[in-house]
């Protein structure tokens, strides 16, 4: 049952060795936050993390955000490519036992219409109890493209897993909820 009584808690996680070390400024996490602020019409608060790439760092951060912080939704950026340190999908599936493969399939499909290298992206979505986790690519332009594609289903997915209620501005992205 959806929790309509409290603001949603949304984790935004950037997985990047260089951004976590301060070598360059993270632009992807702020792009996710800006997107959510523009699209969501219901109250929410952000829990932000910038962590190194790798299996343990991502897995442990997702578990902490879901179990301790109580996130309803976690959106990750980075670590979805084929390089050896890109282990965000594996870490996500280790932390979240129920994969929702349609999210990754749709994100790759819309991305492929823009760039042929989208076939290299391995983003997934899954949930841990009442927390949905969605992996996004690391480029800000790809983030908006992918979120626009999957966001219509996110509010209803959160309803189904018992997370906090969120809604969207239909002028930006129309959330889909079946008629009762």
N, C-alpha and C. Protein backbone atom coordinates (compact mmCIF):
# COMPACT_ATOMS: atom_id res chain seq x y z
N UNK A 1 0.84 -1.19 0.00
CA UNK A 1 0.00 0.00 0.00
C UNK A 1 0.88 1.25 0.00
N UNK A 2 0.59 2.17 -0.86
CA UNK A 2 1.36 3.41 -0.96
C UNK A 2 1.22 4.24 0.30
N UNK A 3 2.31 4.88 0.69
CA UNK A 3 2.32 5.77 1.84
C UNK A 3 2.10 7.19 1.32
N UNK A 4 0.88 7.71 1.47
CA UNK A 4 0.55 9.04 0.95
C UNK A 4 0.71 10.12 2.01
N UNK A 5 1.15 9.73 3.20
CA UNK A 5 1.20 10.66 4.31
C UNK A 5 2.53 11.38 4.49
N UNK A 6 3.55 11.02 3.75
CA UNK A 6 4.86 11.62 3.96
C UNK A 6 5.53 11.94 2.63
N UNK A 7 6.45 12.90 2.66
CA UNK A 7 7.22 13.18 1.44
C UNK A 7 8.10 11.99 1.06
N UNK A 8 8.29 11.79 -0.20
CA UNK A 8 9.18 10.73 -0.68
C UNK A 8 10.63 11.09 -0.33
N UNK A 9 11.41 10.06 -0.08
CA UNK A 9 12.85 10.21 0.11
C UNK A 9 13.50 9.60 -1.12
N UNK A 10 14.28 10.41 -1.83
CA UNK A 10 14.88 9.98 -3.09
C UNK A 10 16.40 10.06 -2.97
N UNK A 11 17.05 8.93 -3.16
CA UNK A 11 18.50 8.89 -3.17
C UNK A 11 19.02 9.19 -4.57
N UNK A 12 20.05 10.00 -4.64
CA UNK A 12 20.73 10.29 -5.90
C UNK A 12 22.19 9.91 -5.68
N UNK A 13 22.64 8.90 -6.41
CA UNK A 13 23.98 8.34 -6.21
C UNK A 13 24.79 8.47 -7.49
N UNK A 14 25.92 9.14 -7.39
CA UNK A 14 26.87 9.21 -8.50
C UNK A 14 28.00 8.23 -8.21
N UNK A 15 28.19 7.26 -9.10
CA UNK A 15 29.29 6.30 -8.98
C UNK A 15 30.39 6.74 -9.94
N UNK A 16 31.47 7.28 -9.38
CA UNK A 16 32.57 7.77 -10.21
C UNK A 16 33.83 7.88 -9.37
N UNK A 17 34.87 7.19 -9.77
CA UNK A 17 36.15 7.29 -9.06
C UNK A 17 36.64 8.73 -9.07
N UNK A 18 36.59 9.38 -10.24
CA UNK A 18 37.15 10.73 -10.36
C UNK A 18 36.31 11.79 -9.64
N UNK A 19 34.99 11.70 -9.75
CA UNK A 19 34.15 12.69 -9.05
C UNK A 19 34.24 12.51 -7.54
N UNK A 20 34.29 11.27 -7.07
CA UNK A 20 34.37 11.04 -5.63
C UNK A 20 35.72 11.49 -5.06
N UNK A 21 36.76 11.49 -5.89
CA UNK A 21 38.09 11.95 -5.47
C UNK A 21 38.28 13.45 -5.67
N UNK A 22 37.28 14.13 -6.24
CA UNK A 22 37.37 15.57 -6.46
C UNK A 22 38.18 15.96 -7.67
N UNK A 23 38.48 15.00 -8.56
CA UNK A 23 39.24 15.29 -9.78
C UNK A 23 38.41 16.13 -10.74
N UNK A 24 37.11 15.88 -10.80
CA UNK A 24 36.23 16.74 -11.57
C UNK A 24 34.89 16.86 -10.86
N UNK A 25 34.17 17.90 -11.25
CA UNK A 25 32.88 18.20 -10.64
C UNK A 25 31.81 17.25 -11.17
N UNK A 26 31.04 16.69 -10.27
CA UNK A 26 29.91 15.85 -10.67
C UNK A 26 28.84 16.71 -11.31
N UNK A 27 28.48 16.39 -12.53
CA UNK A 27 27.38 17.09 -13.21
C UNK A 27 26.14 16.21 -13.34
N UNK A 28 26.33 14.91 -13.23
CA UNK A 28 25.22 13.98 -13.43
C UNK A 28 24.24 13.96 -12.26
N UNK A 29 24.75 13.93 -11.04
CA UNK A 29 23.88 13.96 -9.87
C UNK A 29 23.02 15.21 -9.85
N UNK A 30 23.62 16.39 -10.02
CA UNK A 30 22.80 17.61 -10.09
C UNK A 30 21.80 17.59 -11.24
N UNK A 31 22.13 16.94 -12.36
CA UNK A 31 21.17 16.84 -13.48
C UNK A 31 19.95 16.02 -13.06
N UNK A 32 20.18 14.95 -12.30
CA UNK A 32 19.05 14.15 -11.80
C UNK A 32 18.19 14.99 -10.85
N UNK A 33 18.84 15.69 -9.93
CA UNK A 33 18.10 16.53 -8.98
C UNK A 33 17.29 17.59 -9.70
N UNK A 34 17.87 18.24 -10.70
CA UNK A 34 17.16 19.28 -11.46
C UNK A 34 15.95 18.67 -12.18
N UNK A 35 16.14 17.50 -12.76
CA UNK A 35 15.04 16.83 -13.45
C UNK A 35 13.90 16.54 -12.48
N UNK A 36 14.23 15.95 -11.34
CA UNK A 36 13.19 15.60 -10.36
C UNK A 36 12.47 16.86 -9.88
N UNK A 37 13.21 17.92 -9.63
CA UNK A 37 12.59 19.18 -9.18
C UNK A 37 11.65 19.76 -10.22
N UNK A 38 11.97 19.57 -11.48
CA UNK A 38 11.14 20.10 -12.56
C UNK A 38 9.91 19.24 -12.84
N UNK A 39 10.00 17.93 -12.58
CA UNK A 39 8.96 17.01 -12.99
C UNK A 39 8.01 16.62 -11.85
N UNK A 40 8.54 16.43 -10.65
CA UNK A 40 7.69 15.96 -9.55
C UNK A 40 6.89 17.12 -8.95
N UNK A 41 5.63 16.85 -8.66
CA UNK A 41 4.76 17.86 -8.07
C UNK A 41 4.47 17.60 -6.60
N UNK A 42 4.86 16.45 -6.11
CA UNK A 42 4.63 16.11 -4.71
C UNK A 42 5.91 16.35 -3.91
N UNK A 43 5.78 16.57 -2.60
CA UNK A 43 6.96 16.84 -1.78
C UNK A 43 7.93 15.66 -1.76
N UNK A 44 9.22 15.98 -1.76
CA UNK A 44 10.26 14.96 -1.65
C UNK A 44 11.51 15.61 -1.10
N UNK A 45 12.40 14.77 -0.59
CA UNK A 45 13.72 15.26 -0.19
C UNK A 45 14.77 14.35 -0.79
N UNK A 46 15.92 14.93 -1.06
CA UNK A 46 17.02 14.21 -1.71
C UNK A 46 18.06 13.79 -0.68
N UNK A 47 18.53 12.58 -0.80
CA UNK A 47 19.70 12.07 -0.07
C UNK A 47 20.77 11.85 -1.11
N UNK A 48 21.85 12.61 -1.05
CA UNK A 48 22.87 12.63 -2.11
C UNK A 48 24.12 11.88 -1.68
N UNK A 49 24.70 11.11 -2.60
CA UNK A 49 25.97 10.43 -2.36
C UNK A 49 26.81 10.49 -3.63
N UNK A 50 28.10 10.74 -3.46
CA UNK A 50 29.07 10.61 -4.55
C UNK A 50 30.08 9.59 -4.05
N UNK A 51 30.16 8.47 -4.75
CA UNK A 51 30.96 7.34 -4.28
C UNK A 51 31.88 6.84 -5.40
N UNK A 52 32.93 6.11 -5.03
CA UNK A 52 33.78 5.52 -6.08
C UNK A 52 33.02 4.42 -6.85
N UNK A 53 33.46 4.20 -8.07
CA UNK A 53 32.96 3.05 -8.83
C UNK A 53 33.30 1.78 -8.05
N UNK A 54 32.65 0.70 -8.42
CA UNK A 54 32.98 -0.59 -7.84
C UNK A 54 31.79 -1.27 -7.22
N UNK A 55 31.90 -2.55 -7.06
CA UNK A 55 30.80 -3.38 -6.58
C UNK A 55 30.41 -3.05 -5.14
N UNK A 56 31.36 -3.15 -4.21
CA UNK A 56 31.04 -2.98 -2.79
C UNK A 56 30.54 -1.58 -2.47
N UNK A 57 31.18 -0.56 -3.04
CA UNK A 57 30.77 0.81 -2.73
C UNK A 57 29.33 1.07 -3.17
N UNK A 58 28.97 0.60 -4.35
CA UNK A 58 27.60 0.81 -4.84
C UNK A 58 26.62 -0.05 -4.05
N UNK A 59 26.91 -1.33 -3.91
CA UNK A 59 25.99 -2.22 -3.19
C UNK A 59 25.72 -1.71 -1.78
N UNK A 60 26.79 -1.38 -1.06
CA UNK A 60 26.64 -0.95 0.33
C UNK A 60 25.89 0.38 0.44
N UNK A 61 26.11 1.29 -0.50
CA UNK A 61 25.40 2.56 -0.50
C UNK A 61 23.91 2.35 -0.76
N UNK A 62 23.58 1.49 -1.70
CA UNK A 62 22.17 1.22 -1.99
C UNK A 62 21.47 0.61 -0.79
N UNK A 63 22.12 -0.34 -0.14
CA UNK A 63 21.53 -0.97 1.04
C UNK A 63 21.33 0.05 2.16
N UNK A 64 22.34 0.89 2.39
CA UNK A 64 22.24 1.91 3.44
C UNK A 64 21.10 2.90 3.13
N UNK A 65 21.01 3.35 1.89
CA UNK A 65 19.96 4.30 1.54
C UNK A 65 18.57 3.67 1.64
N UNK A 66 18.43 2.42 1.25
CA UNK A 66 17.13 1.75 1.32
C UNK A 66 16.76 1.38 2.75
N UNK A 67 17.68 0.74 3.46
CA UNK A 67 17.34 0.17 4.77
C UNK A 67 17.46 1.15 5.93
N UNK A 68 18.47 2.00 5.91
CA UNK A 68 18.72 2.91 7.03
C UNK A 68 18.08 4.27 6.82
N UNK A 69 18.28 4.84 5.63
CA UNK A 69 17.74 6.17 5.33
C UNK A 69 16.24 6.09 4.99
N UNK A 70 15.81 4.97 4.43
CA UNK A 70 14.41 4.80 4.08
C UNK A 70 14.01 5.40 2.75
N UNK A 71 14.92 5.35 1.78
CA UNK A 71 14.59 5.88 0.45
C UNK A 71 13.47 5.07 -0.19
N UNK A 72 12.62 5.78 -0.89
CA UNK A 72 11.56 5.17 -1.69
C UNK A 72 12.04 4.89 -3.11
N UNK A 73 12.91 5.76 -3.58
CA UNK A 73 13.46 5.70 -4.93
C UNK A 73 14.93 6.07 -4.84
N UNK A 74 15.77 5.33 -5.53
CA UNK A 74 17.18 5.69 -5.66
C UNK A 74 17.49 5.71 -7.15
N UNK A 75 18.08 6.82 -7.60
CA UNK A 75 18.48 6.95 -8.99
C UNK A 75 20.00 7.06 -8.99
N UNK A 76 20.64 6.11 -9.68
CA UNK A 76 22.09 6.13 -9.76
C UNK A 76 22.52 6.64 -11.12
N UNK A 77 23.74 7.16 -11.18
CA UNK A 77 24.32 7.58 -12.44
C UNK A 77 25.77 7.14 -12.45
N UNK A 78 26.20 6.60 -13.58
CA UNK A 78 27.57 6.13 -13.72
C UNK A 78 27.73 4.65 -13.43
N UNK A 79 28.81 4.12 -13.98
CA UNK A 79 29.15 2.72 -13.72
C UNK A 79 28.35 1.71 -14.50
N UNK A 80 27.70 2.12 -15.60
CA UNK A 80 26.87 1.19 -16.36
C UNK A 80 27.51 0.75 -17.68
N UNK A 81 28.72 1.20 -17.95
CA UNK A 81 29.39 0.83 -19.20
C UNK A 81 30.13 -0.49 -19.09
N UNK A 82 30.95 -0.80 -20.09
CA UNK A 82 31.65 -2.08 -20.11
C UNK A 82 33.03 -2.08 -19.49
N UNK A 83 33.51 -0.93 -18.98
CA UNK A 83 34.87 -0.93 -18.43
C UNK A 83 34.93 -1.73 -17.13
N UNK A 84 36.11 -2.20 -16.75
CA UNK A 84 36.23 -3.10 -15.59
C UNK A 84 35.67 -2.55 -14.28
N UNK A 85 35.73 -1.25 -14.04
CA UNK A 85 35.22 -0.68 -12.78
C UNK A 85 33.73 -0.35 -12.85
N UNK A 86 33.10 -0.49 -14.00
CA UNK A 86 31.67 -0.21 -14.16
C UNK A 86 30.86 -1.41 -13.66
N UNK A 87 30.54 -1.38 -12.37
CA UNK A 87 29.86 -2.52 -11.75
C UNK A 87 28.55 -2.13 -11.08
N UNK A 88 28.01 -0.98 -11.47
CA UNK A 88 26.75 -0.54 -10.86
C UNK A 88 25.61 -1.52 -11.09
N UNK A 89 25.42 -2.09 -12.29
CA UNK A 89 24.31 -3.05 -12.46
C UNK A 89 24.47 -4.29 -11.58
N UNK A 90 25.68 -4.82 -11.51
CA UNK A 90 25.90 -6.01 -10.67
C UNK A 90 25.64 -5.70 -9.20
N UNK A 91 26.11 -4.54 -8.75
CA UNK A 91 25.91 -4.14 -7.36
C UNK A 91 24.43 -3.90 -7.07
N UNK A 92 23.73 -3.31 -8.03
CA UNK A 92 22.30 -3.06 -7.86
C UNK A 92 21.55 -4.37 -7.70
N UNK A 93 21.85 -5.34 -8.53
CA UNK A 93 21.15 -6.63 -8.45
C UNK A 93 21.54 -7.40 -7.19
N UNK A 94 22.73 -7.19 -6.67
CA UNK A 94 23.11 -7.82 -5.40
C UNK A 94 22.35 -7.19 -4.23
N UNK A 95 22.09 -5.89 -4.31
CA UNK A 95 21.37 -5.20 -3.23
C UNK A 95 19.86 -5.33 -3.38
N UNK A 96 19.39 -5.50 -4.60
CA UNK A 96 17.96 -5.48 -4.89
C UNK A 96 17.57 -6.77 -5.61
N UNK A 97 16.95 -7.68 -4.92
CA UNK A 97 16.73 -9.01 -5.49
C UNK A 97 15.69 -9.11 -6.60
N UNK A 98 14.86 -8.10 -6.80
CA UNK A 98 13.80 -8.22 -7.82
C UNK A 98 14.05 -7.24 -8.96
N UNK A 99 14.55 -7.77 -10.06
CA UNK A 99 14.83 -6.94 -11.23
C UNK A 99 13.53 -6.62 -11.97
N UNK A 100 13.49 -5.42 -12.53
CA UNK A 100 12.39 -4.98 -13.40
C UNK A 100 13.01 -4.68 -14.77
N UNK A 101 13.19 -5.71 -15.61
CA UNK A 101 13.98 -5.56 -16.83
C UNK A 101 13.44 -4.58 -17.85
N UNK A 102 12.15 -4.29 -17.82
CA UNK A 102 11.59 -3.36 -18.80
C UNK A 102 12.20 -1.97 -18.73
N UNK A 103 12.62 -1.54 -17.53
CA UNK A 103 13.23 -0.21 -17.40
C UNK A 103 14.51 -0.13 -18.25
N UNK A 104 15.42 -1.07 -18.05
CA UNK A 104 16.67 -1.05 -18.81
C UNK A 104 16.44 -1.21 -20.30
N UNK A 105 15.51 -2.09 -20.66
CA UNK A 105 15.21 -2.30 -22.07
C UNK A 105 14.73 -1.00 -22.73
N UNK A 106 13.82 -0.30 -22.06
CA UNK A 106 13.30 0.95 -22.62
C UNK A 106 14.37 2.03 -22.68
N UNK A 107 15.17 2.16 -21.63
CA UNK A 107 16.22 3.19 -21.64
C UNK A 107 17.22 2.96 -22.76
N UNK A 108 17.60 1.70 -23.00
CA UNK A 108 18.51 1.42 -24.10
C UNK A 108 17.85 1.70 -25.45
N UNK A 109 16.58 1.38 -25.56
CA UNK A 109 15.87 1.60 -26.82
C UNK A 109 15.81 3.09 -27.17
N UNK A 110 15.43 3.94 -26.22
CA UNK A 110 15.35 5.36 -26.54
C UNK A 110 16.75 5.95 -26.75
N UNK A 111 17.72 5.45 -26.03
CA UNK A 111 19.09 5.95 -26.19
C UNK A 111 19.67 5.56 -27.54
N UNK A 112 19.33 4.36 -28.00
CA UNK A 112 19.85 3.87 -29.28
C UNK A 112 19.36 4.73 -30.45
N UNK A 113 18.21 5.34 -30.30
CA UNK A 113 17.71 6.24 -31.35
C UNK A 113 18.60 7.48 -31.47
N UNK A 114 19.39 7.78 -30.43
CA UNK A 114 20.25 8.97 -30.43
C UNK A 114 21.73 8.65 -30.70
N UNK A 115 22.17 7.47 -30.23
CA UNK A 115 23.59 7.14 -30.36
C UNK A 115 23.81 5.64 -30.49
N UNK A 116 24.65 5.22 -31.43
CA UNK A 116 24.88 3.79 -31.61
C UNK A 116 25.61 3.13 -30.45
N UNK A 117 26.28 3.88 -29.61
CA UNK A 117 26.99 3.28 -28.47
C UNK A 117 26.06 2.97 -27.31
N UNK A 118 24.77 3.27 -27.43
CA UNK A 118 23.82 2.93 -26.36
C UNK A 118 23.76 1.43 -26.11
N UNK A 119 24.16 0.63 -27.08
CA UNK A 119 24.15 -0.82 -26.87
C UNK A 119 25.20 -1.24 -25.84
N UNK A 120 26.12 -0.35 -25.51
CA UNK A 120 27.13 -0.65 -24.50
C UNK A 120 26.63 -0.39 -23.08
N UNK A 121 25.49 0.27 -22.96
CA UNK A 121 24.97 0.63 -21.64
C UNK A 121 24.25 -0.56 -21.02
N UNK A 122 24.48 -0.73 -19.72
CA UNK A 122 23.95 -1.91 -19.03
C UNK A 122 23.04 -1.53 -17.86
N UNK A 123 22.38 -0.38 -17.92
CA UNK A 123 21.58 0.02 -16.78
C UNK A 123 20.44 -0.96 -16.52
N UNK A 124 20.11 -1.09 -15.23
CA UNK A 124 19.04 -1.97 -14.78
C UNK A 124 18.17 -1.19 -13.81
N UNK A 125 17.04 -1.79 -13.47
CA UNK A 125 16.19 -1.31 -12.38
C UNK A 125 15.75 -2.53 -11.59
N UNK A 126 15.64 -2.34 -10.29
CA UNK A 126 15.23 -3.43 -9.41
C UNK A 126 14.70 -2.80 -8.13
N UNK A 127 14.11 -3.63 -7.28
CA UNK A 127 13.69 -3.05 -6.01
C UNK A 127 14.09 -3.91 -4.84
N UNK A 128 14.33 -3.20 -3.73
CA UNK A 128 14.66 -3.79 -2.44
C UNK A 128 13.54 -3.40 -1.51
N UNK A 129 12.67 -4.34 -1.21
CA UNK A 129 11.51 -4.09 -0.37
C UNK A 129 10.72 -2.93 -0.97
N UNK A 130 10.62 -1.80 -0.28
CA UNK A 130 9.80 -0.67 -0.73
C UNK A 130 10.63 0.41 -1.43
N UNK A 131 11.78 0.05 -1.96
CA UNK A 131 12.66 1.02 -2.60
C UNK A 131 12.98 0.59 -4.03
N UNK A 132 12.64 1.43 -4.99
CA UNK A 132 12.96 1.20 -6.39
C UNK A 132 14.31 1.84 -6.70
N UNK A 133 15.17 1.10 -7.38
CA UNK A 133 16.49 1.61 -7.79
C UNK A 133 16.55 1.58 -9.31
N UNK A 134 16.92 2.72 -9.88
CA UNK A 134 17.05 2.85 -11.33
C UNK A 134 18.46 3.32 -11.65
N UNK A 135 19.17 2.56 -12.48
CA UNK A 135 20.51 2.97 -12.95
C UNK A 135 20.37 3.79 -14.21
N UNK A 136 21.09 4.91 -14.24
CA UNK A 136 21.12 5.76 -15.43
C UNK A 136 22.55 5.87 -15.94
N UNK A 137 22.71 6.25 -17.21
CA UNK A 137 24.06 6.51 -17.72
C UNK A 137 24.67 7.72 -17.01
N UNK A 138 25.93 7.99 -17.29
CA UNK A 138 26.64 9.07 -16.62
C UNK A 138 26.60 10.42 -17.31
N UNK A 139 26.04 10.52 -18.48
CA UNK A 139 25.99 11.79 -19.22
C UNK A 139 24.68 12.51 -18.93
N UNK A 140 24.74 13.81 -18.56
CA UNK A 140 23.51 14.55 -18.25
C UNK A 140 22.44 14.51 -19.34
N UNK A 141 22.81 14.60 -20.62
CA UNK A 141 21.81 14.55 -21.69
C UNK A 141 21.12 13.19 -21.74
N UNK A 142 21.86 12.13 -21.50
CA UNK A 142 21.29 10.78 -21.49
C UNK A 142 20.38 10.58 -20.27
N UNK A 143 20.70 11.26 -19.19
CA UNK A 143 19.89 11.15 -17.97
C UNK A 143 18.47 11.63 -18.24
N UNK A 144 18.33 12.81 -18.82
CA UNK A 144 16.99 13.34 -19.10
C UNK A 144 16.25 12.45 -20.09
N UNK A 145 16.92 12.01 -21.12
CA UNK A 145 16.31 11.14 -22.12
C UNK A 145 15.76 9.87 -21.46
N UNK A 146 16.59 9.23 -20.64
CA UNK A 146 16.18 7.98 -20.00
C UNK A 146 15.08 8.20 -18.97
N UNK A 147 15.20 9.25 -18.16
CA UNK A 147 14.15 9.51 -17.17
C UNK A 147 12.82 9.85 -17.83
N UNK A 148 12.86 10.61 -18.92
CA UNK A 148 11.61 10.90 -19.64
C UNK A 148 10.94 9.61 -20.10
N UNK A 149 11.74 8.63 -20.49
CA UNK A 149 11.19 7.37 -20.99
C UNK A 149 10.53 6.55 -19.88
N UNK A 150 11.18 6.45 -18.72
CA UNK A 150 10.68 5.55 -17.67
C UNK A 150 9.80 6.23 -16.63
N UNK A 151 9.88 7.54 -16.50
CA UNK A 151 9.14 8.23 -15.44
C UNK A 151 7.64 8.00 -15.47
N UNK A 152 6.99 7.83 -16.63
CA UNK A 152 5.54 7.56 -16.59
C UNK A 152 5.18 6.34 -15.74
N UNK A 153 6.07 5.36 -15.63
CA UNK A 153 5.79 4.14 -14.88
C UNK A 153 6.27 4.19 -13.43
N UNK A 154 7.14 5.13 -13.10
CA UNK A 154 7.74 5.15 -11.76
C UNK A 154 6.72 5.36 -10.65
N UNK A 155 5.80 6.34 -10.74
CA UNK A 155 4.86 6.51 -9.63
C UNK A 155 4.02 5.27 -9.35
N UNK A 156 3.52 4.62 -10.39
CA UNK A 156 2.71 3.42 -10.18
C UNK A 156 3.55 2.27 -9.62
N UNK A 157 4.78 2.15 -10.07
CA UNK A 157 5.67 1.13 -9.52
C UNK A 157 5.85 1.36 -8.02
N UNK A 158 6.07 2.62 -7.63
CA UNK A 158 6.21 2.93 -6.20
C UNK A 158 4.93 2.59 -5.45
N UNK A 159 3.77 2.85 -6.05
CA UNK A 159 2.50 2.45 -5.44
C UNK A 159 2.49 0.94 -5.17
N UNK A 160 2.86 0.18 -6.18
CA UNK A 160 2.77 -1.28 -6.09
C UNK A 160 3.71 -1.88 -5.04
N UNK A 161 4.86 -1.24 -4.81
CA UNK A 161 5.80 -1.80 -3.83
C UNK A 161 5.61 -1.19 -2.43
N UNK A 162 4.67 -0.27 -2.29
CA UNK A 162 4.36 0.29 -0.98
C UNK A 162 5.22 1.46 -0.57
N UNK A 163 5.80 2.15 -1.52
CA UNK A 163 6.64 3.31 -1.24
C UNK A 163 5.77 4.56 -1.10
N UNK A 164 6.42 5.70 -0.86
CA UNK A 164 5.70 6.97 -0.76
C UNK A 164 5.07 7.34 -2.10
N UNK A 165 4.01 8.09 -2.01
CA UNK A 165 3.28 8.58 -3.18
C UNK A 165 4.07 9.69 -3.86
N UNK A 166 4.26 9.58 -5.16
CA UNK A 166 4.80 10.70 -5.94
C UNK A 166 3.90 10.91 -7.13
N UNK A 167 3.91 12.13 -7.63
CA UNK A 167 3.18 12.43 -8.85
C UNK A 167 4.00 13.40 -9.68
N UNK A 168 3.64 13.48 -10.94
CA UNK A 168 4.41 14.29 -11.89
C UNK A 168 3.55 15.40 -12.47
N UNK A 169 4.21 16.39 -13.02
CA UNK A 169 3.56 17.46 -13.75
C UNK A 169 3.22 16.90 -15.13
N UNK A 170 1.94 16.73 -15.43
CA UNK A 170 1.57 16.11 -16.72
C UNK A 170 2.01 16.93 -17.94
N UNK A 171 2.31 18.20 -17.74
CA UNK A 171 2.83 19.00 -18.86
C UNK A 171 4.26 18.59 -19.20
N UNK A 172 4.97 18.00 -18.24
CA UNK A 172 6.36 17.53 -18.46
C UNK A 172 6.40 16.04 -18.75
N UNK A 173 5.83 15.24 -17.84
CA UNK A 173 5.78 13.78 -17.97
C UNK A 173 4.48 13.33 -17.32
N UNK A 174 3.65 12.62 -18.06
CA UNK A 174 2.38 12.17 -17.51
C UNK A 174 2.55 10.80 -16.87
N UNK A 175 2.37 10.77 -15.55
CA UNK A 175 2.41 9.48 -14.84
C UNK A 175 1.21 8.65 -15.25
N UNK A 176 1.42 7.35 -15.38
CA UNK A 176 0.34 6.44 -15.73
C UNK A 176 -0.04 5.62 -14.51
N UNK A 177 -1.30 5.68 -14.15
CA UNK A 177 -1.87 4.81 -13.13
C UNK A 177 -3.16 4.23 -13.72
N UNK A 178 -3.32 2.92 -13.66
CA UNK A 178 -4.55 2.33 -14.23
C UNK A 178 -5.80 2.88 -13.52
N UNK A 179 -6.86 2.98 -14.28
CA UNK A 179 -8.15 3.40 -13.70
C UNK A 179 -8.64 2.31 -12.77
N UNK A 180 -9.25 2.73 -11.69
CA UNK A 180 -9.77 1.74 -10.72
C UNK A 180 -11.17 1.35 -11.08
